[in-house]
Amino acid sequence: MAGPENPGKNAATPAGESAEKRRGGDRAGFLAAGAVLAVCLGLVLYGTLGTTGDTEPERPKAPTAAVTYQVTGEGRVDVSYLARSEEGRATVEKDIALPWKKTVQVPLGRPPVIGIVLDGKGGQARCALAIRGAHVQSATASGTYGRATCAGELPAPADVGSPSNSTLP
């Protein structure tokens, strides 16, 4: 019987079961729960670490060509240009002091474009675009919030194997 005079006894315990047997049963339950937990953890780790790359093949990188963007002049500009990206997204740099120049890789088949916008103080700026070192186009922006855009053409990725496009810097 449970009570202050018999603290070790449980009223719900069958008469023949000792406290030692109950502790042994508790240990076995804890060991079984630990084993189940270890198996579950192993399966989770295998699912996240063991199958990387098996479910989805890696996409090939798009071939690119070197494009040089350049902005010269007076004033400060916001510059947006196309750089290396599978999707061909524009990169924007704000409040740039002139002169500014950057060479980036542009995916073939995506037209390289640079756009400039002068700030509220105005000025005059010239954007220029070169593909593989050859000048393609330039344009001038002037005045308050003056704008200019330069664009070029790159061959489509299928044209990479042709002799004129076989070396891409």
Protein backbone atom coordinates (compact mmCIF):
# COMPACT_ATOMS: atom_id res chain seq x y z
CA MET A 1 0.00 0.00 0.00
CA ALA A 2 1.16 3.45 -0.79
CA GLY A 3 1.33 5.96 1.97
CA PRO A 4 3.71 7.63 4.34
CA GLU A 5 4.67 4.35 6.04
CA ASN A 6 5.41 2.50 2.73
CA PRO A 7 6.84 5.05 0.26
CA GLY A 8 8.36 2.39 -2.07
CA LYS A 9 5.17 0.47 -2.67
CA ASN A 10 2.61 1.41 -5.34
CA ALA A 11 -1.04 0.62 -4.73
CA ALA A 12 -1.50 -0.38 -8.39
CA THR A 13 1.41 -2.89 -8.31
CA PRO A 14 0.46 -6.57 -8.40
CA ALA A 15 1.27 -8.32 -5.19
CA GLY A 16 4.08 -10.50 -6.59
CA GLU A 17 5.95 -7.79 -8.58
CA SER A 18 8.95 -6.23 -6.93
CA ALA A 19 10.38 -2.72 -7.37
CA GLU A 20 13.46 -4.24 -9.03
CA LYS A 21 11.37 -5.78 -11.83
CA ARG A 22 9.63 -2.47 -12.48
CA ARG A 23 12.96 -0.67 -12.82
CA GLY A 24 14.17 -3.34 -15.28
CA GLY A 25 11.03 -2.84 -17.36
CA ASP A 26 11.54 0.92 -17.38
CA ARG A 27 15.11 0.46 -18.62
CA ALA A 28 13.98 -1.81 -21.42
CA GLY A 29 11.37 0.76 -22.46
CA PHE A 30 13.94 3.54 -22.51
CA LEU A 31 16.36 1.38 -24.55
CA ALA A 32 13.62 0.54 -27.09
CA ALA A 33 12.61 4.21 -27.39
CA GLY A 34 16.26 5.20 -27.86
CA ALA A 35 16.72 2.59 -30.60
CA VAL A 36 13.60 3.81 -32.43
CA LEU A 37 14.80 7.41 -32.12
CA ALA A 38 18.25 6.47 -33.49
CA VAL A 39 16.68 4.71 -36.51
CA CYS A 40 14.44 7.71 -37.23
CA LEU A 41 17.38 10.11 -36.96
CA GLY A 42 19.42 7.90 -39.32
CA LEU A 43 16.63 7.91 -41.90
CA VAL A 44 16.27 11.69 -41.71
CA LEU A 45 20.02 12.20 -42.13
CA TYR A 46 20.12 9.75 -45.04
CA GLY A 47 17.23 11.58 -46.69
CA THR A 48 18.89 15.00 -46.40
CA LEU A 49 22.57 14.14 -46.78
CA GLY A 50 22.69 10.81 -48.59
CA THR A 51 20.62 11.61 -51.65
CA THR A 52 21.95 14.98 -52.79
CA GLY A 53 22.23 15.07 -56.56
CA ASP A 54 20.44 11.71 -57.02
CA THR A 55 17.00 13.26 -57.40
CA GLU A 56 17.77 16.18 -59.73
CA PRO A 57 20.56 16.31 -62.32
CA GLU A 58 22.75 19.41 -62.34
CA ARG A 59 21.90 21.91 -65.06
CA PRO A 60 24.78 22.79 -67.37
CA LYS A 61 26.14 26.32 -67.13
CA ALA A 62 25.23 28.67 -69.95
CA PRO A 63 28.15 29.64 -72.22
CA THR A 64 29.11 33.30 -71.90
CA ALA A 65 31.12 36.03 -73.60
CA ALA A 66 33.13 38.89 -72.07
CA VAL A 67 31.35 42.25 -72.25
CA THR A 68 32.90 45.54 -71.10
CA TYR A 69 30.66 48.36 -69.95
CA GLN A 70 32.15 51.83 -69.53
CA VAL A 71 30.72 55.18 -68.40
CA THR A 72 32.71 58.42 -68.66
CA GLY A 73 31.84 62.06 -68.09
CA GLU A 74 30.86 64.41 -65.28
CA GLY A 75 28.32 63.87 -62.54
CA ARG A 76 26.98 60.85 -60.71
CA VAL A 77 24.91 58.11 -62.31
CA ASP A 78 22.83 55.03 -61.60
CA VAL A 79 24.05 52.18 -63.82
CA SER A 80 22.08 49.07 -64.77
CA TYR A 81 23.71 46.34 -66.83
CA LEU A 82 23.37 42.70 -67.76
CA ALA A 83 25.88 40.36 -66.11
CA ARG A 84 26.36 36.61 -65.74
CA SER A 85 23.06 35.04 -64.87
CA GLU A 86 21.21 32.05 -66.28
CA GLU A 87 18.07 34.18 -66.36
CA GLY A 88 19.87 37.26 -67.70
CA ARG A 89 18.83 39.58 -64.87
CA ALA A 90 20.12 43.14 -64.66
CA THR A 91 22.52 44.38 -61.99
CA VAL A 92 21.99 47.91 -60.67
CA GLU A 93 24.67 50.10 -59.08
CA LYS A 94 23.49 53.41 -57.62
CA ASP A 95 25.17 56.81 -57.22
CA ILE A 96 28.37 55.90 -59.08
CA ALA A 97 31.17 58.44 -59.40
CA LEU A 98 32.58 58.68 -62.94
CA PRO A 99 34.56 57.27 -64.66
CA TRP A 100 33.31 53.70 -64.20
CA LYS A 101 34.23 50.51 -66.06
CA LYS A 102 33.32 46.86 -65.59
CA THR A 103 33.93 43.67 -67.59
CA VAL A 104 31.42 40.88 -66.97
CA GLN A 105 30.36 37.58 -68.50
CA VAL A 106 26.99 37.67 -70.29
CA PRO A 107 25.13 34.48 -71.32
CA LEU A 108 25.16 33.90 -75.09
CA GLY A 109 21.85 34.69 -76.71
CA ARG A 110 21.12 37.47 -74.19
CA PRO A 111 21.67 40.99 -75.54
CA PRO A 112 24.15 42.91 -73.36
CA VAL A 113 22.64 46.25 -72.30
CA ILE A 114 23.83 49.13 -70.15
CA GLY A 115 21.58 51.96 -69.06
CA ILE A 116 22.65 55.12 -67.23
CA VAL A 117 20.63 57.83 -65.46
CA LEU A 118 22.25 61.04 -64.22
CA ASP A 119 21.25 62.29 -60.78
CA GLY A 120 19.29 65.46 -59.97
CA LYS A 121 22.43 67.63 -60.26
CA GLY A 122 22.75 66.73 -63.93
CA GLY A 123 25.96 66.65 -65.93
CA GLN A 124 26.99 64.75 -69.00
CA ALA A 125 27.85 61.05 -69.24
CA ARG A 126 28.64 58.66 -72.06
CA CYS A 127 28.04 54.91 -71.90
CA ALA A 128 29.98 52.51 -74.12
CA LEU A 129 29.67 48.78 -74.78
CA ALA A 130 32.36 46.41 -76.07
CA ILE A 131 31.93 42.69 -76.80
CA ARG A 132 35.09 40.57 -76.70
CA GLY A 133 37.13 43.78 -76.81
CA ALA A 134 35.43 45.23 -79.92
CA HIS A 135 33.51 48.51 -79.54
CA VAL A 136 29.80 48.01 -80.33
CA GLN A 137 27.88 51.12 -79.32
CA SER A 138 27.99 54.34 -77.29
CA ALA A 139 25.42 56.94 -76.29
CA THR A 140 25.39 60.22 -74.36
CA ALA A 141 23.13 61.43 -71.54
CA SER A 142 23.04 65.07 -70.44
CA GLY A 143 21.10 67.34 -68.09
CA THR A 144 19.13 66.65 -64.96
CA TYR A 145 18.14 62.96 -64.86
CA GLY A 146 19.50 62.49 -68.38
CA ARG A 147 19.34 58.92 -69.70
CA ALA A 148 21.25 56.85 -72.22
CA THR A 149 21.24 53.17 -73.21
CA CYS A 150 23.73 51.04 -75.13
CA ALA A 151 22.95 47.55 -76.41
CA GLY A 152 24.66 44.86 -78.47
CA GLU A 153 24.08 41.38 -79.84
CA LEU A 154 25.63 38.09 -78.75
CA PRO A 155 25.33 34.90 -80.79
CA ALA A 156 22.86 32.26 -79.67
CA PRO A 157 24.37 29.35 -77.68
CA ALA A 158 23.92 27.01 -80.68
CA ASP A 159 26.36 29.18 -82.67
CA VAL A 160 29.20 28.54 -80.18
CA GLY A 161 30.74 25.78 -82.29
CA SER A 162 31.15 27.94 -85.38
CA PRO A 163 34.74 29.03 -86.18
CA SER A 164 34.07 32.73 -85.46
CA ASN A 165 32.75 31.95 -81.98
CA SER A 166 34.98 29.05 -80.94
CA THR A 167 37.02 31.01 -78.40
CA LEU A 168 35.10 32.87 -75.76
CA PRO A 169 37.21 35.02 -73.47
